Amino acid sequence: MLAGGCTADKQQTTLPSRPAEDGPATDAPDTPSGDGWTVEEFYAQDVAWSECDGFECARIQAPLDWGDPAAGAIELSLKRSVATGSEDERIGSLLINPGGPGGSGVEFVDYMLTGVVSEDITERYDVVGFDPRGVGESTPIDCGDDAVLDEFFTSDVPMESQADVEAARERAGAFGESCLENSGALLGNVDTVSAARDMDLMRGVLGDAQLYYVGFSYGTFLGATYADLYPENVGRVVLDGALDPSMSNDDLVIGQAVGFENALRAYVKYCQADSGCPLTGTVDDGMRQVLELTQRAEASPIPAGGNEVNGTLALYGIVVTLYDDGTWPYLTMALGEVISSGTASTLLELANAYLDRTPDGAYTANAMEAFSAINCLDYPMAVRDFDEMSAFADQVAAVAPTFGRDFAMAIGCETWPFPATGAREPITAAGAAPILVVGTTGDPATPYEMAVALAEQLETATLLTWEGEGHTAYGRAGSCVSDVVETYLLDGELPADDVRCG
């Protein structure tokens, strides 16, 4: 629902701040070159920018395996909006990541420029979006065709016995093998540490002595990991909607289940204050009605204009609206349609938005595949039998009655082709320049307590709090938050103490 070792030798490139346009970026080769390259050669590569829909796009090469750079290369896709101010005013490249893991930074550039950053930022920074390794237009994780993805991501899987657990493990194992067959060695090299090393490579080939970065959601874990690996290269780093890197997978499940439970409760209060709300009675009554709707969909899928919505799709359709209170009216519309007419067309549209899926079932992005692959490397998981899993689900449901069992009764990465390599431990980034952490009190995907924890772990962090609903704050929370973020990005100045915006 996210909203995720030793450092290789590095050498800063001697390219200018904005490399010359040497021609169009090439399409990804069937077999990426870079065999036999050293780390220094990766950092010294030229960048060829080409025009793309009013922006500039390029591809660079990165080691497939940072532990063995000579073993081959993958491609990373970049898109930038060139700074509009004079070269003397320009600060550098501002890398951005929307989270996920699996979100496309290439697609995110347009949103950042139209809905988040001010003209002061675009005057002084090249805003650079990138697709992390395994994602989107970079060398991507591929787990199969649309039918394979649908069967794995949208089916209702019974979990009522040990036999069901074993069947779910077999199903997950088959999906992992499909990912391995289609993605090869890349599947074992999309961990966050490798992606953070890619960011330093980007910093180098873009000609910046320091990294300037805004990361949202999972992007905060990516940014904090970077700061821990390369503290000497940290310039100005904003981490909004922060993950706590020390949290185990179990802690994350509990935290997010509670976060979405609280967000749903806030939505029900909002809905019931309006005369058109389909949820009746008290807030607790409304919460039960939402739970009953998902249970109904699981027991007997709800018609949806020639399709149908099962329990899994109903959960996706509800959850996606809780990331932003601006989308709550769509949830009211969807619930009203199901309750009044017994159809779920709007709920299906919302679920498709969550999945990056068209109405005819085509997936338009590989975010769900990349999400699985990255998380399976980053998060070691406990392996439980049915009784142990049920006990954990009871624990989660006690604090999150609506979402708890759905979040807890999952096989996850137990049968993934590659074991987890991530270590769930605090990140301090000792020696890094000051870092800004942003947290939202009503954030469902990365609950506020995670931002507090990350700010406490990072040795040089300042915490900016927004008292609001939804996931992340910058671009959603008004001038109080934007002023603090952009003063830091433009001037390098942070408040002396933590700041709270109401």
Protein backbone atom coordinates (compact mmCIF):
# COMPACT_ATOMS: atom_id res chain seq x y z
CA MET A 1 0.00 0.00 0.00
CA LEU A 2 2.96 2.31 -0.11
CA ALA A 3 2.37 4.26 -0.48
CA GLY A 4 9.52 1.49 0.73
CA GLY A 5 26.78 -2.23 2.32
CA CYS A 6 29.86 -0.70 1.15
CA THR A 7 29.75 2.25 -1.23
CA ALA A 8 31.30 1.72 -4.63
CA ASP A 9 34.16 4.00 -5.60
CA LYS A 10 32.90 7.03 -7.45
CA GLN A 11 34.31 9.80 -9.56
CA GLN A 12 32.53 13.02 -10.35
CA THR A 13 32.17 13.65 -14.03
CA THR A 14 33.75 16.65 -15.69
CA LEU A 15 30.65 17.32 -17.78
CA PRO A 16 29.27 20.87 -17.65
CA SER A 17 26.27 21.66 -15.46
CA ARG A 18 23.92 21.31 -18.39
CA PRO A 19 25.43 18.87 -20.92
CA ALA A 20 25.28 19.78 -24.57
CA GLU A 21 22.54 18.23 -26.66
CA ASP A 22 24.49 15.71 -28.75
CA GLY A 23 21.48 14.16 -30.43
CA PRO A 24 18.41 12.17 -29.56
CA ALA A 25 18.37 9.60 -26.80
CA THR A 26 18.42 6.08 -28.20
CA ASP A 27 15.86 3.40 -27.54
CA ALA A 28 16.78 0.80 -24.95
CA PRO A 29 18.90 -1.89 -26.62
CA ASP A 30 17.90 -5.52 -26.40
CA THR A 31 21.15 -6.16 -24.55
CA PRO A 32 22.35 -3.02 -22.74
CA SER A 33 25.99 -2.20 -23.33
CA GLY A 34 28.41 -1.33 -20.55
CA ASP A 35 30.00 -4.80 -20.25
CA GLY A 36 33.42 -4.48 -18.71
CA TRP A 37 32.90 -0.87 -17.63
CA THR A 38 34.35 0.47 -14.41
CA VAL A 39 32.47 2.69 -11.97
CA GLU A 40 34.55 5.62 -13.19
CA GLU A 41 33.45 5.00 -16.77
CA PHE A 42 29.80 4.96 -15.76
CA TYR A 43 30.28 8.34 -14.04
CA ALA A 44 32.12 9.77 -17.05
CA GLN A 45 29.48 8.90 -19.67
CA ASP A 46 28.01 11.64 -21.82
CA VAL A 47 24.31 12.49 -21.66
CA ALA A 48 22.46 13.07 -24.93
CA TRP A 49 19.29 15.11 -24.36
CA SER A 50 16.47 15.31 -26.87
CA GLU A 51 13.24 17.29 -27.01
CA CYS A 52 10.16 15.42 -25.73
CA ASP A 53 6.79 17.19 -25.48
CA GLY A 54 8.28 20.48 -24.31
CA PHE A 55 10.82 18.86 -21.99
CA GLU A 56 14.19 17.20 -22.48
CA CYS A 57 14.64 13.44 -22.19
CA ALA A 58 17.69 11.20 -22.02
CA ARG A 59 18.83 7.73 -21.06
CA ILE A 60 21.97 6.92 -19.12
CA GLN A 61 23.57 3.61 -18.28
CA ALA A 62 24.05 2.24 -14.77
CA PRO A 63 25.60 -1.00 -13.57
CA LEU A 64 23.16 -3.90 -13.44
CA ASP A 65 24.92 -4.95 -10.23
CA TRP A 66 26.76 -2.28 -8.27
CA GLY A 67 28.71 -5.07 -6.57
CA ASP A 68 30.07 -6.12 -9.97
CA PRO A 69 29.96 -3.08 -12.30
CA ALA A 70 31.74 -4.92 -15.11
CA ALA A 71 28.92 -7.49 -15.41
CA GLY A 72 26.70 -5.34 -17.63
CA ALA A 73 24.43 -2.33 -17.66
CA ILE A 74 20.83 -1.25 -17.44
CA GLU A 75 19.30 2.00 -18.67
CA LEU A 76 17.79 4.78 -16.56
CA SER A 77 15.28 7.16 -18.15
CA LEU A 78 15.43 10.87 -17.26
CA LYS A 79 13.19 13.82 -18.09
CA ARG A 80 13.94 17.43 -17.20
CA SER A 81 12.56 20.92 -17.32
CA VAL A 82 15.52 23.21 -17.84
CA ALA A 83 15.86 26.14 -15.43
CA THR A 84 14.33 29.29 -16.89
CA GLY A 85 16.62 31.74 -15.09
CA SER A 86 20.13 32.80 -15.95
CA GLU A 87 23.07 30.44 -15.58
CA ASP A 88 24.36 32.60 -12.71
CA GLU A 89 21.08 32.08 -10.81
CA ARG A 90 20.93 28.34 -11.42
CA ILE A 91 21.48 26.14 -8.36
CA GLY A 92 21.61 22.73 -10.00
CA SER A 93 19.44 19.73 -10.85
CA LEU A 94 16.52 18.98 -8.52
CA LEU A 95 15.84 15.25 -8.69
CA ILE A 96 12.30 14.17 -7.80
CA ASN A 97 10.72 10.82 -6.89
CA PRO A 98 6.95 10.28 -6.40
CA GLY A 99 7.23 7.13 -4.30
CA GLY A 100 5.66 3.73 -4.72
CA PRO A 101 8.03 1.97 -4.88
CA GLY A 102 7.34 1.76 -8.58
CA GLY A 103 6.17 5.31 -9.29
CA SER A 104 7.46 6.99 -12.44
CA GLY A 105 9.48 10.13 -11.86
CA VAL A 106 9.46 10.75 -15.62
CA GLU A 107 5.67 11.07 -15.56
CA PHE A 108 5.84 13.04 -12.30
CA VAL A 109 7.67 16.03 -13.80
CA ASP A 110 4.51 17.45 -15.35
CA TYR A 111 2.63 17.26 -12.05
CA MET A 112 5.48 18.82 -10.07
CA LEU A 113 5.66 21.78 -12.44
CA THR A 114 1.92 22.42 -12.59
CA GLY A 115 0.81 21.50 -9.08
CA VAL A 116 3.70 21.68 -6.63
CA VAL A 117 6.78 23.85 -7.21
CA SER A 118 6.77 27.62 -7.66
CA GLU A 119 8.28 29.64 -10.49
CA ASP A 120 11.18 30.49 -8.17
CA ILE A 121 12.10 26.79 -8.12
CA THR A 122 11.79 26.36 -11.89
CA GLU A 123 13.89 29.48 -12.49
CA ARG A 124 16.80 28.19 -10.43
CA TYR A 125 16.64 24.41 -10.84
CA ASP A 126 16.54 21.95 -13.67
CA VAL A 127 13.70 19.77 -12.38
CA VAL A 128 14.67 16.19 -13.22
CA GLY A 129 12.37 13.21 -12.96
CA PHE A 130 13.74 9.71 -13.32
CA ASP A 131 12.34 6.22 -13.44
CA PRO A 132 14.26 4.15 -10.88
CA ARG A 133 15.81 0.87 -11.96
CA GLY A 134 13.08 -1.62 -12.78
CA VAL A 135 10.44 1.08 -13.27
CA GLY A 136 8.63 2.42 -16.33
CA GLU A 137 10.87 3.68 -19.12
CA SER A 138 14.07 2.56 -17.41
CA THR A 139 15.03 -1.09 -17.88
CA PRO A 140 11.80 -2.47 -16.41
CA ILE A 141 10.69 -5.37 -14.29
CA ASP A 142 8.32 -7.51 -16.36
CA CYS A 143 6.26 -10.27 -14.78
CA GLY A 144 4.10 -11.27 -17.72
CA ASP A 145 1.10 -10.18 -19.74
CA ASP A 146 -2.07 -8.50 -18.51
CA ALA A 147 -3.74 -11.82 -17.75
CA VAL A 148 -0.84 -12.85 -15.50
CA LEU A 149 -0.96 -9.52 -13.68
CA ASP A 150 -4.73 -9.63 -13.28
CA GLU A 151 -4.69 -13.14 -11.86
CA PHE A 152 -2.08 -12.19 -9.28
CA PHE A 153 -3.10 -8.65 -8.32
CA THR A 154 -6.89 -8.70 -8.57
CA SER A 155 -8.06 -12.19 -7.56
CA ASP A 156 -9.71 -12.91 -4.24
CA VAL A 157 -7.50 -15.56 -2.63
CA PRO A 158 -9.08 -17.57 0.19
CA MET A 159 -7.00 -17.79 3.37
CA GLU A 160 -9.09 -19.95 5.67
CA SER A 161 -6.88 -23.00 6.23
CA GLN A 162 -3.33 -24.25 6.04
CA ALA A 163 -4.18 -25.70 2.62
CA ASP A 164 -5.14 -22.18 1.47
CA VAL A 165 -1.80 -20.85 2.76
CA GLU A 166 0.09 -23.51 0.82
CA ALA A 167 -1.93 -22.78 -2.31
CA ALA A 168 -1.22 -19.06 -1.93
CA ARG A 169 2.48 -19.77 -1.56
CA GLU A 170 2.44 -21.85 -4.72
CA ARG A 171 0.60 -19.09 -6.55
CA ALA A 172 3.06 -16.42 -5.34
CA GLY A 173 5.98 -18.65 -6.26
CA ALA A 174 4.67 -19.07 -9.79
CA PHE A 175 4.27 -15.32 -10.14
CA GLY A 176 7.83 -14.76 -8.92
CA GLU A 177 9.13 -17.29 -11.42
CA SER A 178 7.26 -15.47 -14.18
CA CYS A 179 8.95 -12.24 -13.07
CA LEU A 180 12.34 -13.96 -13.13
CA GLU A 181 11.73 -15.49 -16.54
CA ASN A 182 10.80 -12.10 -18.03
CA SER A 183 13.22 -9.87 -16.10
CA GLY A 184 16.33 -11.97 -15.56
CA ALA A 185 19.06 -10.83 -13.21
CA LEU A 186 17.50 -7.37 -12.91
CA LEU A 187 14.90 -8.88 -10.55
CA GLY A 188 17.58 -9.37 -7.89
CA ASN A 189 19.07 -5.89 -8.34
CA VAL A 190 16.19 -3.43 -7.84
CA ASP A 191 16.77 -2.94 -4.11
CA THR A 192 16.75 0.58 -2.68
CA VAL A 193 20.50 0.64 -1.99
CA SER A 194 21.17 0.04 -5.69
CA ALA A 195 18.63 2.74 -6.64
CA ALA A 196 20.32 5.19 -4.25
CA ARG A 197 23.67 4.48 -5.91
CA ASP A 198 21.97 5.22 -9.23
CA MET A 199 20.98 8.63 -7.84
CA ASP A 200 24.60 9.46 -7.11
CA LEU A 201 25.46 8.40 -10.64
CA MET A 202 22.76 10.80 -11.90
CA ARG A 203 24.18 13.57 -9.71
CA GLY A 204 27.59 12.94 -11.25
CA VAL A 205 26.59 12.80 -14.91
CA LEU A 206 24.37 15.88 -14.47
CA GLY A 207 27.42 17.77 -13.27
CA ASP A 208 26.32 18.57 -9.72
CA ALA A 209 28.76 18.45 -6.82
CA GLN A 210 25.85 17.86 -4.42
CA LEU A 211 22.46 16.16 -4.64
CA TYR A 212 19.32 18.31 -4.55
CA TYR A 213 16.28 16.10 -4.11
CA VAL A 214 12.59 15.99 -3.24
CA GLY A 215 11.24 12.52 -2.45
CA PHE A 216 7.69 11.60 -1.51
CA SER A 217 6.50 8.48 0.34
CA TYR A 218 8.85 5.59 -0.61
CA GLY A 219 11.03 8.34 -2.11
CA THR A 220 11.85 9.36 1.46
CA PHE A 221 13.38 5.93 2.11
CA LEU A 222 15.31 6.24 -1.14
CA GLY A 223 16.53 9.72 -0.17
CA ALA A 224 17.45 8.74 3.39
CA THR A 225 19.34 5.72 2.05
CA TYR A 226 21.23 8.02 -0.31
CA ALA A 227 22.13 10.36 2.55
CA ASP A 228 23.44 7.44 4.58
CA LEU A 229 25.56 6.13 1.68
CA TYR A 230 26.82 9.53 0.48
CA PRO A 231 26.57 12.03 3.35
CA GLU A 232 29.33 14.15 1.85
CA ASN A 233 27.26 14.64 -1.32
CA VAL A 234 24.04 15.76 0.34
CA GLY A 235 23.01 19.26 -0.72
CA ARG A 236 19.33 20.02 0.01
CA VAL A 237 17.09 17.01 0.55
CA VAL A 238 13.34 17.10 1.26
CA LEU A 239 11.66 13.88 2.48
CA ASP A 240 7.86 14.24 2.46
CA GLY A 241 5.51 11.52 3.73
CA ALA A 242 8.36 9.75 5.44
CA LEU A 243 8.87 6.04 5.97
CA ASP A 244 10.61 4.81 9.10
CA PRO A 245 13.55 2.74 7.79
CA SER A 246 13.84 0.83 11.08
CA MET A 247 10.32 -0.64 10.83
CA SER A 248 9.96 -4.35 10.19
CA ASN A 249 7.45 -5.61 7.66
CA ASP A 250 5.08 -6.51 10.52
CA ASP A 251 5.38 -3.02 12.00
CA LEU A 252 4.70 -1.51 8.59
CA VAL A 253 1.59 -3.66 8.11
CA ILE A 254 0.22 -2.61 11.50
CA GLY A 255 1.10 1.05 10.98
CA GLN A 256 -0.51 1.26 7.57
CA ALA A 257 -3.61 -0.69 8.62
CA VAL A 258 -4.13 1.80 11.45
CA GLY A 259 -3.33 4.71 9.14
CA PHE A 260 -5.94 3.73 6.58
CA GLU A 261 -8.44 2.90 9.33
CA ASN A 262 -8.04 6.40 10.75
CA ALA A 263 -8.27 7.94 7.29
CA LEU A 264 -11.48 6.05 6.58
CA ARG A 265 -12.92 7.20 9.90
CA ALA A 266 -12.07 10.81 8.99
CA TYR A 267 -13.78 10.29 5.63
CA VAL A 268 -16.93 8.83 7.21
CA LYS A 269 -17.20 11.84 9.54
CA TYR A 270 -16.81 14.14 6.54
CA CYS A 271 -19.36 12.15 4.52
CA GLN A 272 -21.99 12.01 7.26
CA ALA A 273 -21.78 15.76 7.71
CA ASP A 274 -23.18 16.06 4.16
CA SER A 275 -26.83 15.45 3.35
CA GLY A 276 -25.96 13.24 0.37
CA CYS A 277 -23.91 10.69 2.31
CA PRO A 278 -25.02 7.07 1.72
CA LEU A 279 -23.59 5.96 5.08
CA THR A 280 -26.19 6.12 7.85
CA GLY A 281 -26.13 6.22 11.64
CA THR A 282 -23.02 6.95 13.68
CA VAL A 283 -19.43 7.00 12.47
CA ASP A 284 -19.01 3.45 13.80
CA ASP A 285 -22.12 2.44 11.85
CA GLY A 286 -20.66 3.97 8.70
CA MET A 287 -17.37 2.13 9.19
CA ARG A 288 -19.25 -1.16 9.52
CA GLN A 289 -21.19 -0.43 6.35
CA VAL A 290 -17.94 0.01 4.41
CA LEU A 291 -16.61 -3.27 5.84
CA GLU A 292 -19.84 -5.05 4.95
CA LEU A 293 -19.58 -3.75 1.38
CA THR A 294 -16.10 -5.28 0.93
CA GLN A 295 -17.28 -8.54 2.50
CA ARG A 296 -20.28 -8.57 0.18
CA ALA A 297 -18.02 -8.08 -2.83
CA GLU A 298 -15.81 -10.93 -1.69
CA ALA A 299 -18.76 -13.27 -1.17
CA SER A 300 -20.43 -12.36 -4.47
CA PRO A 301 -18.76 -9.90 -6.88
CA ILE A 302 -20.79 -6.77 -7.58
CA PRO A 303 -21.82 -6.01 -11.20
CA ALA A 304 -19.93 -3.12 -12.79
CA GLY A 305 -21.13 -2.32 -16.30
CA GLY A 306 -20.26 -5.61 -17.95
CA ASN A 307 -17.49 -6.35 -15.47
CA GLU A 308 -17.61 -7.04 -11.76
CA VAL A 309 -15.90 -5.93 -8.56
CA ASN A 310 -14.68 -8.57 -6.12
CA GLY A 311 -13.37 -7.97 -2.61
CA THR A 312 -9.84 -7.17 -3.75
CA LEU A 313 -10.97 -4.58 -6.30
CA ALA A 314 -13.41 -3.06 -3.79
CA LEU A 315 -10.55 -2.63 -1.32
CA TYR A 316 -8.36 -0.96 -3.99
CA GLY A 317 -11.20 1.36 -4.99
CA ILE A 318 -11.75 2.50 -1.41
CA VAL A 319 -8.11 2.78 -0.41
CA VAL A 320 -7.03 4.86 -3.43
CA THR A 321 -9.36 7.70 -2.40
CA LEU A 322 -7.88 7.90 1.09
CA TYR A 323 -4.52 9.19 -0.17
CA ASP A 324 -6.00 12.65 -0.76
CA ASP A 325 -9.05 14.16 0.93
CA GLY A 326 -9.68 15.98 -2.34
CA THR A 327 -10.81 12.65 -3.80
CA TRP A 328 -13.22 11.81 -0.97
CA PRO A 329 -16.26 12.91 -3.05
CA TYR A 330 -15.44 10.12 -5.52
CA LEU A 331 -15.67 7.60 -2.69
CA THR A 332 -19.06 9.02 -1.72
CA MET A 333 -20.16 8.61 -5.34
CA ALA A 334 -18.89 5.04 -5.50
CA LEU A 335 -20.44 3.96 -2.20
CA GLY A 336 -23.73 5.63 -3.09
CA GLU A 337 -23.86 3.77 -6.40
CA VAL A 338 -23.32 0.39 -4.74
CA ILE A 339 -25.75 1.04 -1.89
CA SER A 340 -28.53 2.56 -3.98
CA SER A 341 -28.33 0.56 -7.22
CA GLY A 342 -26.22 -2.47 -6.48
CA THR A 343 -23.66 -1.63 -9.18
CA ALA A 344 -19.98 -0.78 -8.77
CA SER A 345 -18.86 0.97 -11.98
CA THR A 346 -17.36 3.94 -10.14
CA LEU A 347 -15.65 1.68 -7.63
CA LEU A 348 -14.12 -0.24 -10.54
CA GLU A 349 -12.86 3.00 -12.10
CA LEU A 350 -11.18 3.88 -8.82
CA ALA A 351 -9.62 0.43 -8.53
CA ASN A 352 -8.32 0.73 -12.09
CA ALA A 353 -6.74 4.07 -11.18
CA TYR A 354 -4.93 2.36 -8.31
CA LEU A 355 -3.72 -0.42 -10.61
CA ASP A 356 -2.80 1.78 -13.62
CA ARG A 357 -5.25 -0.33 -15.61
CA THR A 358 -7.57 0.68 -18.44
CA PRO A 359 -11.28 -0.28 -18.50
CA ASP A 360 -10.50 -3.12 -20.91
CA GLY A 361 -7.92 -4.58 -18.52
CA ALA A 362 -4.64 -3.33 -20.02
CA TYR A 363 -1.95 -2.23 -17.57
CA THR A 364 -0.43 1.10 -18.61
CA ALA A 365 2.54 0.98 -16.23
CA ASN A 366 4.60 -1.65 -14.42
CA ALA A 367 4.19 0.00 -11.02
CA MET A 368 2.55 -3.04 -9.41
CA GLU A 369 5.30 -5.37 -10.65
CA ALA A 370 8.08 -3.03 -9.55
CA PHE A 371 6.36 -2.51 -6.19
CA SER A 372 6.51 -6.24 -5.51
CA ALA A 373 10.07 -6.68 -6.72
CA ILE A 374 11.52 -3.76 -4.76
CA ASN A 375 9.68 -4.47 -1.53
CA CYS A 376 10.62 -8.15 -1.64
CA LEU A 377 14.29 -7.18 -1.62
CA ASP A 378 13.92 -4.41 0.95
CA TYR A 379 11.75 -6.13 3.60
CA PRO A 380 12.63 -9.45 5.25
CA MET A 381 9.36 -11.20 6.09
CA ALA A 382 8.28 -13.63 8.77
CA VAL A 383 7.11 -17.00 7.45
CA ARG A 384 3.99 -18.16 9.29
CA ASP A 385 1.67 -21.12 9.17
CA PHE A 386 -2.09 -20.55 9.09
CA ASP A 387 -2.53 -20.42 12.88
CA GLU A 388 0.32 -17.95 13.29
CA MET A 389 -0.97 -15.84 10.42
CA SER A 390 -4.46 -15.80 11.92
CA ALA A 391 -3.08 -14.73 15.28
CA PHE A 392 -1.22 -11.85 13.61
CA ALA A 393 -4.35 -10.91 11.68
CA ASP A 394 -6.32 -10.84 14.94
CA GLN A 395 -3.66 -8.52 16.39
CA VAL A 396 -3.92 -6.14 13.44
CA ALA A 397 -7.72 -6.30 13.30
CA ALA A 398 -7.91 -5.33 16.97
CA VAL A 399 -6.52 -1.89 16.07
CA ALA A 400 -7.84 -1.71 12.49
CA PRO A 401 -11.17 -3.59 12.24
CA THR A 402 -11.93 -2.56 8.64
CA PHE A 403 -8.59 -3.14 6.96
CA GLY A 404 -6.62 -5.22 9.45
CA ARG A 405 -7.30 -8.75 8.25
CA ASP A 406 -6.85 -7.84 4.58
CA PHE A 407 -3.50 -6.24 5.34
CA ALA A 408 -2.28 -9.12 7.53
CA MET A 409 -3.50 -12.26 5.73
CA ALA A 410 -0.97 -12.20 2.90
CA ILE A 411 1.85 -14.43 1.73
CA GLY A 412 3.90 -11.59 0.27
CA CYS A 413 7.53 -12.37 -0.53
CA GLU A 414 8.02 -15.75 1.13
CA THR A 415 8.57 -17.55 -2.19
CA TRP A 416 10.25 -14.72 -4.11
CA PRO A 417 13.14 -15.88 -6.33
CA PHE A 418 15.65 -13.67 -4.48
CA PRO A 419 15.97 -13.34 -0.70
CA ALA A 420 15.62 -9.93 0.91
CA THR A 421 18.87 -7.98 1.13
CA GLY A 422 17.58 -4.96 3.05
CA ALA A 423 18.34 -4.33 6.70
CA ARG A 424 15.56 -2.78 8.74
CA GLU A 425 17.52 -0.42 10.96
CA PRO A 426 17.70 3.30 11.78
CA ILE A 427 19.31 5.63 9.26
CA THR A 428 21.41 8.42 10.73
CA ALA A 429 23.22 9.87 7.69
CA ALA A 430 26.00 11.06 9.97
CA GLY A 431 27.86 14.02 8.51
CA ALA A 432 25.17 14.98 6.01
CA ALA A 433 24.07 18.58 5.47
CA PRO A 434 20.72 19.56 7.06
CA ILE A 435 17.73 17.56 5.76
CA LEU A 436 14.04 18.50 5.86
CA VAL A 437 11.52 15.79 6.85
CA VAL A 438 7.81 16.50 6.28
CA GLY A 439 4.95 14.62 7.95
CA THR A 440 1.16 14.86 7.78
CA THR A 441 -0.85 14.06 10.90
CA GLY A 442 -3.60 12.28 8.96
CA ASP A 443 -1.37 10.43 6.49
CA PRO A 444 -2.72 6.90 5.92
CA ALA A 445 0.12 5.35 3.89
CA THR A 446 3.04 6.72 5.92
CA PRO A 447 1.51 7.62 9.29
CA TYR A 448 2.85 10.70 11.00
CA GLU A 449 4.73 8.67 13.61
CA MET A 450 7.02 7.46 10.82
CA ALA A 451 8.06 11.02 9.96
CA VAL A 452 8.75 11.72 13.63
CA ALA A 453 10.88 8.58 13.83
CA LEU A 454 12.90 9.38 10.70
CA ALA A 455 13.51 12.97 11.83
CA GLU A 456 14.78 11.65 15.15
CA GLN A 457 17.08 9.14 13.47
CA LEU A 458 18.68 11.52 10.97
CA GLU A 459 21.39 13.48 12.77
CA THR A 460 20.75 16.75 10.93
CA ALA A 461 16.99 16.66 10.27
CA THR A 462 14.33 19.28 10.93
CA LEU A 463 10.70 18.13 11.08
CA LEU A 464 7.92 20.07 9.34
CA THR A 465 4.43 18.96 10.41
CA TRP A 466 1.17 19.56 8.58
CA GLU A 467 -2.03 19.02 10.51
CA GLY A 468 -4.07 17.65 7.63
CA GLU A 469 -5.52 14.61 5.90
CA GLY A 470 -4.03 12.57 3.09
CA HIS A 471 -0.65 11.39 1.92
CA THR A 472 2.23 13.93 1.80
CA ALA A 473 2.03 17.69 2.22
CA TYR A 474 4.17 19.72 -0.21
CA GLY A 475 1.89 20.95 -2.99
CA ARG A 476 -1.27 20.08 -1.00
CA ALA A 477 -0.94 21.94 2.27
CA GLY A 478 -0.78 25.59 1.26
CA SER A 479 1.78 28.33 1.77
CA CYS A 480 2.89 27.46 5.31
CA VAL A 481 4.44 24.19 4.15
CA SER A 482 5.54 25.46 0.73
CA ASP A 483 7.30 28.49 2.22
CA VAL A 484 9.42 26.34 4.53
CA VAL A 485 10.23 23.79 1.80
CA GLU A 486 11.11 26.35 -0.86
CA THR A 487 13.09 28.66 1.42
CA TYR A 488 15.22 25.61 2.16
CA LEU A 489 15.53 24.58 -1.49
CA LEU A 490 16.34 28.10 -2.68
CA ASP A 491 18.48 29.44 0.16
CA GLY A 492 19.52 26.39 2.14
CA GLU A 493 17.88 27.81 5.27
CA LEU A 494 15.87 25.72 7.73
CA PRO A 495 14.00 26.93 10.83
CA ALA A 496 15.93 26.66 14.07
CA ASP A 497 13.23 24.41 15.50
CA ASP A 498 10.61 22.01 14.18
CA VAL A 499 7.66 23.77 12.53
CA ARG A 500 3.93 22.96 12.68
CA CYS A 501 1.42 24.10 10.07
CA GLY A 502 -2.29 23.86 10.84
